[in-house]
Amino acid sequence: DFASDYFRSTLTTNYLYAGTAEITGGQYEPARQRFARAAELAGASADQHPSDVKAKFDFSTAELGLARCIAHGGNKAAAAEHRELAAAAARKVLDLHPDNPRAQKLLAEASTR
């Protein structure tokens, strides 16, 4: 229902902010945990509502955060997998809205790290 969807979206946003704050402070493991939870919530939203562009953006952002945390730990292959998940979510938005600047930016970030 609307209330639970709204709560999930708000919680996802908060996890993304917390992950960003943690990674900015050099706290990669707490950041990884926050981004993983954000990806889980955003992925569930995107699965439940395939046309939810915000969920796709949130998922892509979370996966990029995970990629950064994992790359910092030295696992380049796993980081690349998370970047590809981020890129795939951005491409889904671009399939529907080819000129969307945020999706283009997320795809570029996923392709260059």
C-alpha atoms as a PDB file:
ATOM      1  CA  ASP A   1       0.000   0.000   0.000  1.00  0.00           C
ATOM      2  CA  PHE A   2       0.988   3.654  -0.321  1.00  0.00           C
ATOM      3  CA  ALA A   3       2.133   4.108   3.277  1.00  0.00           C
ATOM      4  CA  SER A   4       4.492   1.139   3.243  1.00  0.00           C
ATOM      5  CA  ASP A   5       5.844   2.101  -0.193  1.00  0.00           C
ATOM      6  CA  TYR A   6       6.455   5.652   1.024  1.00  0.00           C
ATOM      7  CA  PHE A   7       8.146   4.381   4.197  1.00  0.00           C
ATOM      8  CA  ARG A   8      10.368   2.016   2.191  1.00  0.00           C
ATOM      9  CA  SER A   9      11.377   4.844  -0.160  1.00  0.00           C
ATOM     10  CA  THR A  10      12.167   7.179   2.748  1.00  0.00           C
ATOM     11  CA  LEU A  11      14.148   4.480   4.538  1.00  0.00           C
ATOM     12  CA  THR A  12      16.099   3.750   1.353  1.00  0.00           C
ATOM     13  CA  THR A  13      16.976   7.429   1.002  1.00  0.00           C
ATOM     14  CA  ASN A  14      18.151   7.531   4.612  1.00  0.00           C
ATOM     15  CA  TYR A  15      20.364   4.480   4.084  1.00  0.00           C
ATOM     16  CA  LEU A  16      21.874   6.128   0.997  1.00  0.00           C
ATOM     17  CA  TYR A  17      22.636   9.310   2.970  1.00  0.00           C
ATOM     18  CA  ALA A  18      24.101   7.283   5.842  1.00  0.00           C
ATOM     19  CA  GLY A  19      26.250   5.232   3.455  1.00  0.00           C
ATOM     20  CA  THR A  20      27.524   8.370   1.775  1.00  0.00           C
ATOM     21  CA  ALA A  21      28.380   9.915   5.142  1.00  0.00           C
ATOM     22  CA  GLU A  22      30.181   6.748   6.267  1.00  0.00           C
ATOM     23  CA  ILE A  23      32.211   6.457   3.072  1.00  0.00           C
ATOM     24  CA  THR A  24      33.119  10.144   3.212  1.00  0.00           C
ATOM     25  CA  GLY A  25      34.494   9.518   6.687  1.00  0.00           C
ATOM     26  CA  GLY A  26      36.496   6.522   5.491  1.00  0.00           C
ATOM     27  CA  GLN A  27      34.246   4.019   7.256  1.00  0.00           C
ATOM     28  CA  TYR A  28      33.923   1.529   4.419  1.00  0.00           C
ATOM     29  CA  GLU A  29      32.394  -1.422   6.260  1.00  0.00           C
ATOM     30  CA  PRO A  30      29.515   0.555   7.844  1.00  0.00           C
ATOM     31  CA  ALA A  31      29.025   2.249   4.463  1.00  0.00           C
ATOM     32  CA  ARG A  32      28.866  -1.135   2.738  1.00  0.00           C
ATOM     33  CA  GLN A  33      26.190  -2.254   5.181  1.00  0.00           C
ATOM     34  CA  ARG A  34      24.112   0.892   4.563  1.00  0.00           C
ATOM     35  CA  PHE A  35      24.415   0.624   0.785  1.00  0.00           C
ATOM     36  CA  ALA A  36      23.560  -3.088   0.880  1.00  0.00           C
ATOM     37  CA  ARG A  37      20.360  -2.358   2.822  1.00  0.00           C
ATOM     38  CA  ALA A  38      19.484   0.490   0.450  1.00  0.00           C
ATOM     39  CA  ALA A  39      20.003  -1.806  -2.548  1.00  0.00           C
ATOM     40  CA  GLU A  40      17.807  -4.471  -0.968  1.00  0.00           C
ATOM     41  CA  LEU A  41      14.973  -2.019  -0.284  1.00  0.00           C
ATOM     42  CA  ALA A  42      15.225  -0.253  -3.648  1.00  0.00           C
ATOM     43  CA  GLY A  43      15.403  -3.569  -5.486  1.00  0.00           C
ATOM     44  CA  ALA A  44      12.241  -4.748  -3.746  1.00  0.00           C
ATOM     45  CA  SER A  45      10.493  -1.512  -4.710  1.00  0.00           C
ATOM     46  CA  ALA A  46      11.629  -1.786  -8.317  1.00  0.00           C
ATOM     47  CA  ASP A  47      10.451  -5.403  -8.476  1.00  0.00           C
ATOM     48  CA  GLN A  48       7.081  -4.496  -6.997  1.00  0.00           C
ATOM     49  CA  HIS A  49       6.664  -1.378  -9.159  1.00  0.00           C
ATOM     50  CA  PRO A  50       8.609  -1.793 -12.425  1.00  0.00           C
ATOM     51  CA  SER A  51       7.815   1.755 -13.540  1.00  0.00           C
ATOM     52  CA  ASP A  52       9.239   3.307 -10.329  1.00  0.00           C
ATOM     53  CA  VAL A  53      12.129   5.378 -11.660  1.00  0.00           C
ATOM     54  CA  LYS A  54      13.169   6.581  -8.194  1.00  0.00           C
ATOM     55  CA  ALA A  55      13.593   2.987  -7.047  1.00  0.00           C
ATOM     56  CA  LYS A  56      15.836   2.326 -10.043  1.00  0.00           C
ATOM     57  CA  PHE A  57      17.880   5.455  -9.298  1.00  0.00           C
ATOM     58  CA  ASP A  58      18.182   4.464  -5.647  1.00  0.00           C
ATOM     59  CA  PHE A  59      19.188   0.920  -6.582  1.00  0.00           C
ATOM     60  CA  SER A  60      21.809   2.194  -9.013  1.00  0.00           C
ATOM     61  CA  THR A  61      23.189   4.650  -6.448  1.00  0.00           C
ATOM     62  CA  ALA A  62      23.339   1.946  -3.778  1.00  0.00           C
ATOM     63  CA  GLU A  63      25.125  -0.469  -6.111  1.00  0.00           C
ATOM     64  CA  LEU A  64      27.680   2.199  -7.002  1.00  0.00           C
ATOM     65  CA  GLY A  65      28.286   2.758  -3.290  1.00  0.00           C
ATOM     66  CA  LEU A  66      28.709  -0.972  -2.779  1.00  0.00           C
ATOM     67  CA  ALA A  67      31.135  -1.117  -5.693  1.00  0.00           C
ATOM     68  CA  ARG A  68      33.226   1.641  -4.159  1.00  0.00           C
ATOM     69  CA  CYS A  69      33.311  -0.034  -0.740  1.00  0.00           C
ATOM     70  CA  ILE A  70      34.180  -3.423  -2.192  1.00  0.00           C
ATOM     71  CA  ALA A  71      36.847  -1.981  -4.486  1.00  0.00           C
ATOM     72  CA  HIS A  72      38.421  -0.296  -1.465  1.00  0.00           C
ATOM     73  CA  GLY A  73      38.709  -3.757   0.089  1.00  0.00           C
ATOM     74  CA  GLY A  74      40.544  -4.971  -3.008  1.00  0.00           C
ATOM     75  CA  ASN A  75      37.919  -7.194  -4.647  1.00  0.00           C
ATOM     76  CA  LYS A  76      37.870  -5.625  -8.111  1.00  0.00           C
ATOM     77  CA  ALA A  77      35.792  -8.423  -9.673  1.00  0.00           C
ATOM     78  CA  ALA A  78      32.972  -8.086  -7.135  1.00  0.00           C
ATOM     79  CA  ALA A  79      33.112  -4.302  -7.466  1.00  0.00           C
ATOM     80  CA  ALA A  80      32.692  -4.674 -11.242  1.00  0.00           C
ATOM     81  CA  GLU A  81      29.624  -6.865 -10.685  1.00  0.00           C
ATOM     82  CA  HIS A  82      28.018  -4.143  -8.565  1.00  0.00           C
ATOM     83  CA  ARG A  83      28.871  -1.500 -11.164  1.00  0.00           C
ATOM     84  CA  GLU A  84      27.159  -3.659 -13.794  1.00  0.00           C
ATOM     85  CA  LEU A  85      24.035  -3.939 -11.618  1.00  0.00           C
ATOM     86  CA  ALA A  86      24.062  -0.145 -11.282  1.00  0.00           C
ATOM     87  CA  ALA A  87      24.448   0.260 -15.042  1.00  0.00           C
ATOM     88  CA  ALA A  88      21.621  -2.182 -15.763  1.00  0.00           C
ATOM     89  CA  ALA A  89      19.226  -0.206 -13.551  1.00  0.00           C
ATOM     90  CA  ALA A  90      20.212   3.061 -15.248  1.00  0.00           C
ATOM     91  CA  ARG A  91      19.721   1.462 -18.677  1.00  0.00           C
ATOM     92  CA  LYS A  92      16.171   0.445 -17.724  1.00  0.00           C
ATOM     93  CA  VAL A  93      15.363   4.098 -17.100  1.00  0.00           C
ATOM     94  CA  LEU A  94      17.082   5.157 -20.324  1.00  0.00           C
ATOM     95  CA  ASP A  95      15.042   2.603 -22.268  1.00  0.00           C
ATOM     96  CA  LEU A  96      11.926   4.553 -21.272  1.00  0.00           C
ATOM     97  CA  HIS A  97      13.435   8.051 -21.012  1.00  0.00           C
ATOM     98  CA  PRO A  98      16.500   8.255 -23.282  1.00  0.00           C
ATOM     99  CA  ASP A  99      17.328  11.849 -22.395  1.00  0.00           C
ATOM    100  CA  ASN A 100      17.108  11.477 -18.619  1.00  0.00           C
ATOM    101  CA  PRO A 101      20.209  13.267 -17.281  1.00  0.00           C
ATOM    102  CA  ARG A 102      20.313  11.459 -13.944  1.00  0.00           C
ATOM    103  CA  ALA A 103      20.173   8.047 -15.606  1.00  0.00           C
ATOM    104  CA  GLN A 104      22.876   9.138 -18.049  1.00  0.00           C
ATOM    105  CA  LYS A 105      25.055  10.289 -15.133  1.00  0.00           C
ATOM    106  CA  LEU A 106      24.565   7.039 -13.213  1.00  0.00           C
ATOM    107  CA  LEU A 107      25.377   4.981 -16.312  1.00  0.00           C
ATOM    108  CA  ALA A 108      28.527   7.042 -16.898  1.00  0.00           C
ATOM    109  CA  GLU A 109      29.601   6.569 -13.269  1.00  0.00           C
ATOM    110  CA  ALA A 110      29.015   2.825 -13.494  1.00  0.00           C
ATOM    111  CA  SER A 111      31.052   2.633 -16.682  1.00  0.00           C
ATOM    112  CA  THR A 112      34.079   4.618 -15.520  1.00  0.00           C
ATOM    113  CA  ARG A 113      34.958   3.323 -12.066  1.00  0.00           C
END
